[in-house]
Amino acid sequence: MRWLDQVKVFLALGICVISNVTAQAQIAAADPLFATESLLDITLTAPFAEIDRDRDREKSYPGTLSYVDESGDRIVLDVSIEVRGNFRLQKDNCRYSQLWVDLKREQTPDTLFAQQNRLKLVVQCGAQDRYREYLVKEQQLYQVFAALTELNFGTRLLNTTYVYSDDPGEERTHLAFFIEHQRRLKDQIGMEDVELNTIERGALDPAQSTLVALFMYMIGNTDYSMTAAAEGDECCHNAKLLVDANGRYYPLPYDFDASGFVDTSYAPSPDPSFKLRSNRDRLYRGFCVEDSALATAVTEFMEARDQIMSIVADTTLVDDRAAQRSQRYLEEFYATLEDERSMRNEIIEECRN
C-alpha cells in the first residue's frame, strides 16, 4: 500500500495516532507557568545597559522578576540573568540580548514559577514593529509543534517591562516568551537529557524524528540537526535530545527565527549546498524511513490541520496581512502532502540515507 493510501485509510477510519512517548510514559500535567496560553505581564529589573553592551556569556547579573498573582499581590523573585545565543547575540543582528533567567528554588514554591529553575527568555530583537511580529510568529511555531506531539517545549508569551537598574528612569516594554527547560521536561516525561555531541541516526526514534523533519520542512527551516552539534556543544543544533530507558533518542526542536515562516530580516542565507534561493524555499532534510512511518507522521499533520491553521490565523498580536501570509505559507505545505507526485518529488526522494 502506498504511503498516501495509508494516510487516507487512517483518516477514513478515524484512527488516532498515538506517539511512542505516550505509550511509554505518562506525561505529567503542565507546570503552572505553562498551563495556560494567556499573556503574562512581568517586570524584569537588572543592569540591562551593561548586559546589552557587553554581551558576556561568562557573566551572571543580579536582578528581580515580579508579577501580579491571581489574588492581586505583587510577587517579587530574585533572579540571576545571563546572555545566551550565537547569531542573535551579535549586535548587528539584535539590539537586545537573548537571556537566561535563573530563579532561586527556595522562593518559587506556591508561586506561578513553582518547579522552575532555569528558563530561556526569547527577547524581542529590536524595538520596531517587525521584531514584535517575528517574535509572535516564532512562538506560534512552538504552539504548532505542540499540536502535533506531547513531546514539546512549553512556552508562555509575556508582556515584559525591562527596568534598567544601571540607568535610573530607563525602561522599555516589549513582548517576549519563556521556554521550558529540557531538564524540567525530562523529569515530567521520565526520560533523561543527553550530553553527547553526536549520536548515530539509527538511534533516533523514527516516529518523533520524522515528525520533526516534516515540521521543519513545513516551516521552511534547514538550520538544524537531529544528530550533531557544533564542537564542544551538546547535541544537537537547534534541537535537544531526550533518551528513554531503551536508548531511543527523541529530538525536540527550538529556535525558529531562521525559518521561512518567521522570515526575519536578519536571518542568514541558507547553506549554499542546499541550492535554495531564500529561506522561504523548502528542503526536506529528514532521514529515510519506512513508508508506514512517514504515513503515520503525515496523518498526524492532517489530523492537526485545523488546529494549526487556527494558531497561525490568530490576529490578536499580528495584523491581518501577516496572518494571511502565514496561512498561505502553511497551505502550500499541506498541498504538497495531498499530492502524490509532489510528496514523492519533494519529500520521499529527498530523504537522507
Protein backbone atom coordinates (compact mmCIF):
# COMPACT_ATOMS: atom_id res chain seq x y z
CA MET A 1 0.00 0.00 0.00
CA ARG A 2 1.41 3.41 -0.96
CA TRP A 3 2.06 5.91 1.83
CA LEU A 4 -0.75 8.22 0.66
CA ASP A 5 -3.22 5.34 0.57
CA GLN A 6 -2.22 4.53 4.15
CA VAL A 7 -2.88 8.13 5.19
CA LYS A 8 -6.31 8.02 3.57
CA VAL A 9 -7.14 4.77 5.37
CA PHE A 10 -6.05 6.20 8.73
CA LEU A 11 -8.17 9.31 8.22
CA ALA A 12 -11.21 7.44 6.84
CA LEU A 13 -11.26 5.05 9.80
CA GLY A 14 -10.64 7.84 12.27
CA ILE A 15 -7.60 6.07 13.65
CA CYS A 16 -5.99 8.06 16.42
CA VAL A 17 -2.22 8.08 16.09
CA ILE A 18 -0.56 7.51 19.45
CA SER A 19 3.06 8.50 19.80
CA ASN A 20 5.67 6.16 21.23
CA VAL A 21 6.22 8.64 24.03
CA THR A 22 2.61 8.45 25.16
CA ALA A 23 2.72 4.66 25.09
CA GLN A 24 5.90 4.52 27.17
CA ALA A 25 5.36 7.24 29.73
CA GLN A 26 2.65 9.14 31.49
CA ILE A 27 3.30 12.79 30.76
CA ALA A 28 2.67 14.92 33.83
CA ALA A 29 0.38 17.90 33.83
CA ALA A 30 1.98 21.16 32.74
CA ASP A 31 3.62 23.31 35.39
CA PRO A 32 1.64 26.44 36.44
CA LEU A 33 3.72 28.75 34.24
CA PHE A 34 2.94 26.73 31.11
CA ALA A 35 -0.57 25.58 31.99
CA THR A 36 -2.23 28.44 30.11
CA GLU A 37 -1.56 30.40 26.92
CA SER A 38 -2.75 33.75 28.31
CA LEU A 39 -0.40 36.72 28.02
CA LEU A 40 1.50 37.24 31.29
CA ASP A 41 2.74 40.65 32.45
CA ILE A 42 6.14 40.55 34.16
CA THR A 43 8.79 43.08 35.15
CA LEU A 44 12.49 42.28 34.97
CA THR A 45 14.92 44.57 36.78
CA ALA A 46 18.62 44.17 36.00
CA PRO A 47 21.60 46.15 34.61
CA PHE A 48 20.35 45.90 31.04
CA ALA A 49 22.56 48.72 29.74
CA GLU A 50 25.61 46.67 30.74
CA ILE A 51 24.06 43.39 29.60
CA ASP A 52 23.33 44.67 26.09
CA ARG A 53 26.64 46.49 25.86
CA ASP A 54 28.98 43.67 26.94
CA ARG A 55 27.02 40.52 25.96
CA ASP A 56 29.36 38.46 28.12
CA ARG A 57 28.17 34.85 28.27
CA GLU A 58 30.55 34.14 31.15
CA LYS A 59 28.95 36.70 33.45
CA SER A 60 25.86 36.47 35.66
CA TYR A 61 23.87 39.60 36.52
CA PRO A 62 21.70 40.03 39.65
CA GLY A 63 18.11 41.11 39.22
CA THR A 64 14.47 40.58 40.12
CA LEU A 65 11.39 39.24 38.38
CA SER A 66 7.97 40.45 39.51
CA TYR A 67 4.36 39.80 38.52
CA VAL A 68 0.87 40.16 40.00
CA ASP A 69 -0.68 36.88 41.13
CA GLU A 70 -4.35 35.84 40.98
CA SER A 71 -5.09 37.45 44.35
CA GLY A 72 -3.71 40.80 43.21
CA ASP A 73 -0.49 40.62 45.21
CA ARG A 74 2.79 41.58 43.58
CA ILE A 75 5.27 38.73 43.84
CA VAL A 76 8.96 39.61 43.63
CA LEU A 77 11.55 36.89 42.99
CA ASP A 78 15.32 37.19 43.00
CA VAL A 79 16.90 36.06 39.73
CA SER A 80 20.26 35.82 38.03
CA ILE A 81 20.41 36.76 34.36
CA GLU A 82 22.85 35.60 31.69
CA VAL A 83 23.05 36.33 27.99
CA ARG A 84 22.79 33.41 25.57
CA GLY A 85 22.76 32.50 21.91
CA ASN A 86 25.11 32.93 18.99
CA PHE A 87 23.63 34.59 15.93
CA ARG A 88 21.07 36.67 17.83
CA LEU A 89 23.70 37.66 20.35
CA GLN A 90 25.56 39.67 17.70
CA LYS A 91 24.79 43.39 17.94
CA ASP A 92 24.42 43.70 14.18
CA ASN A 93 21.50 41.26 14.31
CA CYS A 94 19.71 42.11 17.55
CA ARG A 95 19.66 45.29 19.58
CA TYR A 96 18.60 43.40 22.73
CA SER A 97 20.29 40.28 24.10
CA GLN A 98 18.60 36.90 24.40
CA LEU A 99 18.60 35.80 28.03
CA TRP A 100 18.67 33.01 30.57
CA VAL A 101 16.67 33.69 33.73
CA ASP A 102 17.72 31.64 36.78
CA LEU A 103 15.37 31.51 39.75
CA LYS A 104 16.03 30.50 43.36
CA ARG A 105 14.21 27.24 44.16
CA GLU A 106 13.51 28.25 47.75
CA GLN A 107 11.49 31.26 46.54
CA THR A 108 9.32 29.61 43.88
CA PRO A 109 7.01 27.18 45.79
CA ASP A 110 3.39 28.37 45.82
CA THR A 111 4.13 30.83 43.01
CA LEU A 112 3.49 30.78 39.28
CA PHE A 113 7.14 29.74 38.89
CA ALA A 114 6.89 26.59 41.01
CA GLN A 115 9.16 23.81 39.67
CA GLN A 116 11.11 26.28 37.52
CA ASN A 117 14.82 26.82 37.97
CA ARG A 118 16.34 27.97 34.68
CA LEU A 119 14.28 29.45 31.88
CA LYS A 120 15.21 30.56 28.39
CA LEU A 121 13.78 34.01 27.60
CA VAL A 122 13.27 34.81 23.92
CA VAL A 123 13.56 38.59 23.75
CA GLN A 124 12.12 40.88 21.09
CA CYS A 125 15.20 41.52 18.96
CA GLY A 126 14.55 45.22 18.31
CA ALA A 127 12.06 47.94 19.12
CA GLN A 128 10.37 48.15 15.69
CA ASP A 129 7.02 46.53 14.97
CA ARG A 130 8.55 43.94 12.65
CA TYR A 131 10.51 42.46 15.56
CA ARG A 132 7.30 42.12 17.54
CA GLU A 133 5.79 40.21 14.61
CA TYR A 134 8.85 37.95 14.34
CA LEU A 135 8.60 37.05 17.99
CA VAL A 136 4.87 36.28 17.86
CA LYS A 137 5.30 34.10 14.78
CA GLU A 138 8.18 32.21 16.36
CA GLN A 139 6.14 31.50 19.49
CA GLN A 140 3.26 30.34 17.30
CA LEU A 141 5.56 27.64 15.91
CA TYR A 142 6.08 26.19 19.38
CA GLN A 143 2.29 26.01 19.66
CA VAL A 144 2.08 24.37 16.24
CA PHE A 145 4.59 21.69 17.23
CA ALA A 146 2.70 21.13 20.48
CA ALA A 147 -0.42 20.44 18.40
CA LEU A 148 1.46 17.54 16.78
CA THR A 149 3.07 15.82 19.76
CA GLU A 150 3.03 15.84 23.54
CA LEU A 151 6.83 15.79 23.49
CA ASN A 152 7.47 19.52 23.09
CA PHE A 153 8.83 22.54 24.89
CA GLY A 154 6.16 24.53 26.73
CA THR A 155 6.17 28.28 26.16
CA ARG A 156 4.49 31.29 27.79
CA LEU A 157 4.04 34.59 25.98
CA LEU A 158 4.97 37.63 28.05
CA ASN A 159 4.43 41.36 28.08
CA THR A 160 7.78 42.24 29.61
CA THR A 161 8.88 45.52 31.15
CA TYR A 162 12.65 45.79 31.43
CA VAL A 163 13.77 48.19 34.19
CA TYR A 164 17.41 49.29 33.91
CA SER A 165 18.97 49.13 37.38
CA ASP A 166 22.14 50.72 35.99
CA ASP A 167 20.33 53.61 34.29
CA PRO A 168 17.72 55.16 36.65
CA GLY A 169 14.48 56.05 34.91
CA GLU A 170 15.21 53.92 31.83
CA GLU A 171 12.77 51.15 30.97
CA ARG A 172 11.10 49.55 27.94
CA THR A 173 8.19 47.17 27.40
CA HIS A 174 8.24 44.52 24.68
CA LEU A 175 6.86 41.06 24.01
CA ALA A 176 8.94 38.02 24.99
CA PHE A 177 8.32 34.39 25.82
CA PHE A 178 9.69 31.80 28.22
CA ILE A 179 10.70 28.33 27.01
CA GLU A 180 10.58 25.33 29.31
CA HIS A 181 14.00 23.86 30.13
CA GLN A 182 14.70 20.37 28.84
CA ARG A 183 15.77 19.18 32.30
CA ARG A 184 12.35 20.03 33.69
CA LEU A 185 10.64 18.43 30.72
CA LYS A 186 12.62 15.19 31.04
CA ASP A 187 11.57 14.89 34.69
CA GLN A 188 7.91 15.19 33.70
CA ILE A 189 8.23 12.60 30.96
CA GLY A 190 10.50 10.18 32.77
CA MET A 191 13.41 10.35 30.33
CA GLU A 192 16.97 11.59 30.56
CA ASP A 193 18.64 14.51 28.81
CA VAL A 194 21.68 14.00 26.59
CA GLU A 195 25.16 15.48 26.94
CA LEU A 196 26.69 13.80 23.89
CA ASN A 197 27.96 15.84 20.97
CA THR A 198 26.73 13.40 18.30
CA ILE A 199 24.57 10.29 18.05
CA GLU A 200 24.00 7.67 15.38
CA ARG A 201 20.94 8.37 13.23
CA GLY A 202 19.75 4.79 13.78
CA ALA A 203 19.31 5.57 17.49
CA LEU A 204 16.65 8.20 16.74
CA ASP A 205 13.03 7.32 17.39
CA PRO A 206 11.70 7.10 13.82
CA ALA A 207 8.25 8.47 14.66
CA GLN A 208 9.49 11.55 16.52
CA SER A 209 12.38 12.26 14.14
CA THR A 210 10.13 12.03 11.08
CA LEU A 211 7.62 14.33 12.75
CA VAL A 212 10.38 16.85 13.48
CA ALA A 213 11.73 16.64 9.91
CA LEU A 214 8.27 17.22 8.41
CA PHE A 215 7.69 20.10 10.83
CA MET A 216 10.97 21.72 9.80
CA TYR A 217 10.04 21.26 6.16
CA MET A 218 6.62 22.80 6.82
CA ILE A 219 8.09 25.94 8.38
CA GLY A 220 10.93 26.24 5.86
CA ASN A 221 13.78 25.61 8.30
CA THR A 222 17.02 23.96 7.22
CA ASP A 223 19.09 25.34 10.11
CA TYR A 224 19.01 22.30 12.39
CA SER A 225 20.42 18.84 13.05
CA MET A 226 18.95 15.90 14.97
CA THR A 227 22.26 14.03 15.31
CA ALA A 228 25.09 16.55 15.77
CA ALA A 229 26.07 19.84 17.38
CA ALA A 230 28.99 22.21 16.96
CA GLU A 231 32.22 21.04 18.54
CA GLY A 232 32.03 21.38 22.32
CA ASP A 233 28.22 21.73 22.41
CA GLU A 234 25.56 19.24 23.46
CA CYS A 235 23.60 17.60 20.67
CA CYS A 236 22.02 18.96 18.68
CA HIS A 237 21.95 22.10 16.54
CA ASN A 238 18.64 23.88 17.25
CA ALA A 239 17.28 20.67 18.77
CA LYS A 240 17.61 18.97 22.13
CA LEU A 241 17.54 15.23 22.72
CA LEU A 242 15.85 13.17 25.40
CA VAL A 243 16.61 9.46 25.71
CA ASP A 244 14.33 6.73 27.07
CA ALA A 245 15.21 3.60 29.04
CA ASN A 246 15.66 1.66 25.79
CA GLY A 247 18.31 4.04 24.46
CA ARG A 248 15.96 5.59 21.91
CA TYR A 249 16.55 9.31 21.26
CA TYR A 250 13.75 11.85 20.81
CA PRO A 251 14.59 15.24 19.24
CA LEU A 252 12.81 18.42 20.35
CA PRO A 253 13.24 21.40 18.00
CA TYR A 254 13.67 25.02 19.09
CA ASP A 255 14.85 28.41 17.75
CA PHE A 256 12.81 29.00 14.61
CA ASP A 257 13.81 32.57 13.74
CA ALA A 258 15.77 31.38 10.68
CA SER A 259 12.69 29.68 9.22
CA GLY A 260 10.83 30.87 6.15
CA PHE A 261 7.64 31.05 8.20
CA VAL A 262 9.07 33.69 10.56
CA ASP A 263 11.14 35.23 7.74
CA THR A 264 13.30 37.58 9.79
CA SER A 265 15.29 40.30 8.08
CA TYR A 266 18.44 39.27 9.97
CA ALA A 267 18.36 35.50 9.28
CA PRO A 268 21.43 34.15 7.48
CA SER A 269 21.01 32.84 3.96
CA PRO A 270 20.54 29.09 3.59
CA ASP A 271 23.61 26.87 3.32
CA PRO A 272 24.81 27.27 -0.31
CA SER A 273 24.98 23.49 -0.67
CA PHE A 274 21.18 23.35 -0.34
CA LYS A 275 20.80 25.45 -3.52
CA LEU A 276 17.84 27.40 -2.13
CA ARG A 277 17.05 30.91 -3.33
CA SER A 278 15.79 32.12 0.06
CA ASN A 279 14.74 30.94 3.50
CA ARG A 280 11.15 30.79 2.23
CA ASP A 281 12.09 27.86 -0.02
CA ARG A 282 11.63 24.41 1.45
CA LEU A 283 14.02 21.45 1.54
CA TYR A 284 13.27 18.17 3.28
CA ARG A 285 16.25 17.10 5.41
CA GLY A 286 14.72 14.11 7.19
CA PHE A 287 16.17 10.63 7.17
CA CYS A 288 14.66 7.86 5.05
CA VAL A 289 12.16 5.71 6.97
CA GLU A 290 9.61 3.00 6.20
CA ASP A 291 6.59 4.21 4.23
CA SER A 292 4.35 3.35 7.18
CA ALA A 293 6.35 5.66 9.49
CA LEU A 294 6.08 8.53 7.02
CA ALA A 295 2.36 7.85 6.54
CA THR A 296 1.86 7.94 10.31
CA ALA A 297 3.62 11.32 10.56
CA VAL A 298 1.62 12.75 7.66
CA THR A 299 -1.59 11.54 9.32
CA GLU A 300 -0.66 13.47 12.47
CA PHE A 301 -0.24 16.64 10.42
CA MET A 302 -3.57 16.11 8.69
CA GLU A 303 -5.39 15.48 11.96
CA ALA A 304 -3.91 18.65 13.49
CA ARG A 305 -4.53 20.79 10.40
CA ASP A 306 -7.49 22.80 11.68
CA GLN A 307 -5.78 23.49 15.00
CA ILE A 308 -2.54 24.51 13.30
CA MET A 309 -4.29 26.87 10.89
CA SER A 310 -6.23 28.40 13.77
CA ILE A 311 -2.97 29.15 15.60
CA VAL A 312 -1.37 30.98 12.66
CA ALA A 313 -4.63 32.76 11.73
CA ASP A 314 -4.81 34.48 15.14
CA THR A 315 -4.67 38.26 14.68
CA THR A 316 -4.55 39.17 18.38
CA LEU A 317 -0.90 40.21 18.15
CA VAL A 318 -0.19 40.35 14.41
CA ASP A 319 -2.09 42.19 11.68
CA ASP A 320 -4.42 40.57 9.15
CA ARG A 321 -1.88 40.73 6.35
CA ALA A 322 0.78 38.89 8.36
CA ALA A 323 -1.71 36.23 9.47
CA GLN A 324 -2.88 35.67 5.90
CA ARG A 325 0.71 35.31 4.72
CA SER A 326 1.32 32.71 7.41
CA GLN A 327 -1.76 30.75 6.39
CA ARG A 328 -0.79 30.76 2.72
CA TYR A 329 2.69 29.51 3.55
CA LEU A 330 1.38 26.54 5.53
CA GLU A 331 -1.33 25.78 2.98
CA GLU A 332 1.46 25.29 0.43
CA PHE A 333 2.86 22.60 2.71
CA TYR A 334 -0.49 20.86 3.00
CA ALA A 335 -0.90 20.99 -0.77
CA THR A 336 2.35 19.02 -1.03
CA LEU A 337 1.11 16.39 1.43
CA GLU A 338 -2.11 15.95 -0.54
CA ASP A 339 -0.45 15.50 -3.91
CA GLU A 340 1.19 12.12 -4.56
CA ARG A 341 3.64 13.45 -7.14
CA SER A 342 4.72 16.49 -5.09
CA MET A 343 5.12 14.38 -1.99
CA ARG A 344 7.32 11.90 -3.80
CA ASN A 345 9.46 14.55 -5.54
CA GLU A 346 9.88 16.93 -2.61
CA ILE A 347 9.96 14.64 0.41
CA ILE A 348 10.27 10.91 -0.27
CA GLU A 349 13.05 11.24 -2.86
CA GLU A 350 14.82 13.95 -0.87
CA CYS A 351 15.21 11.91 2.33
CA ARG A 352 18.74 11.22 3.55
CA ASN A 353 20.08 7.66 3.75
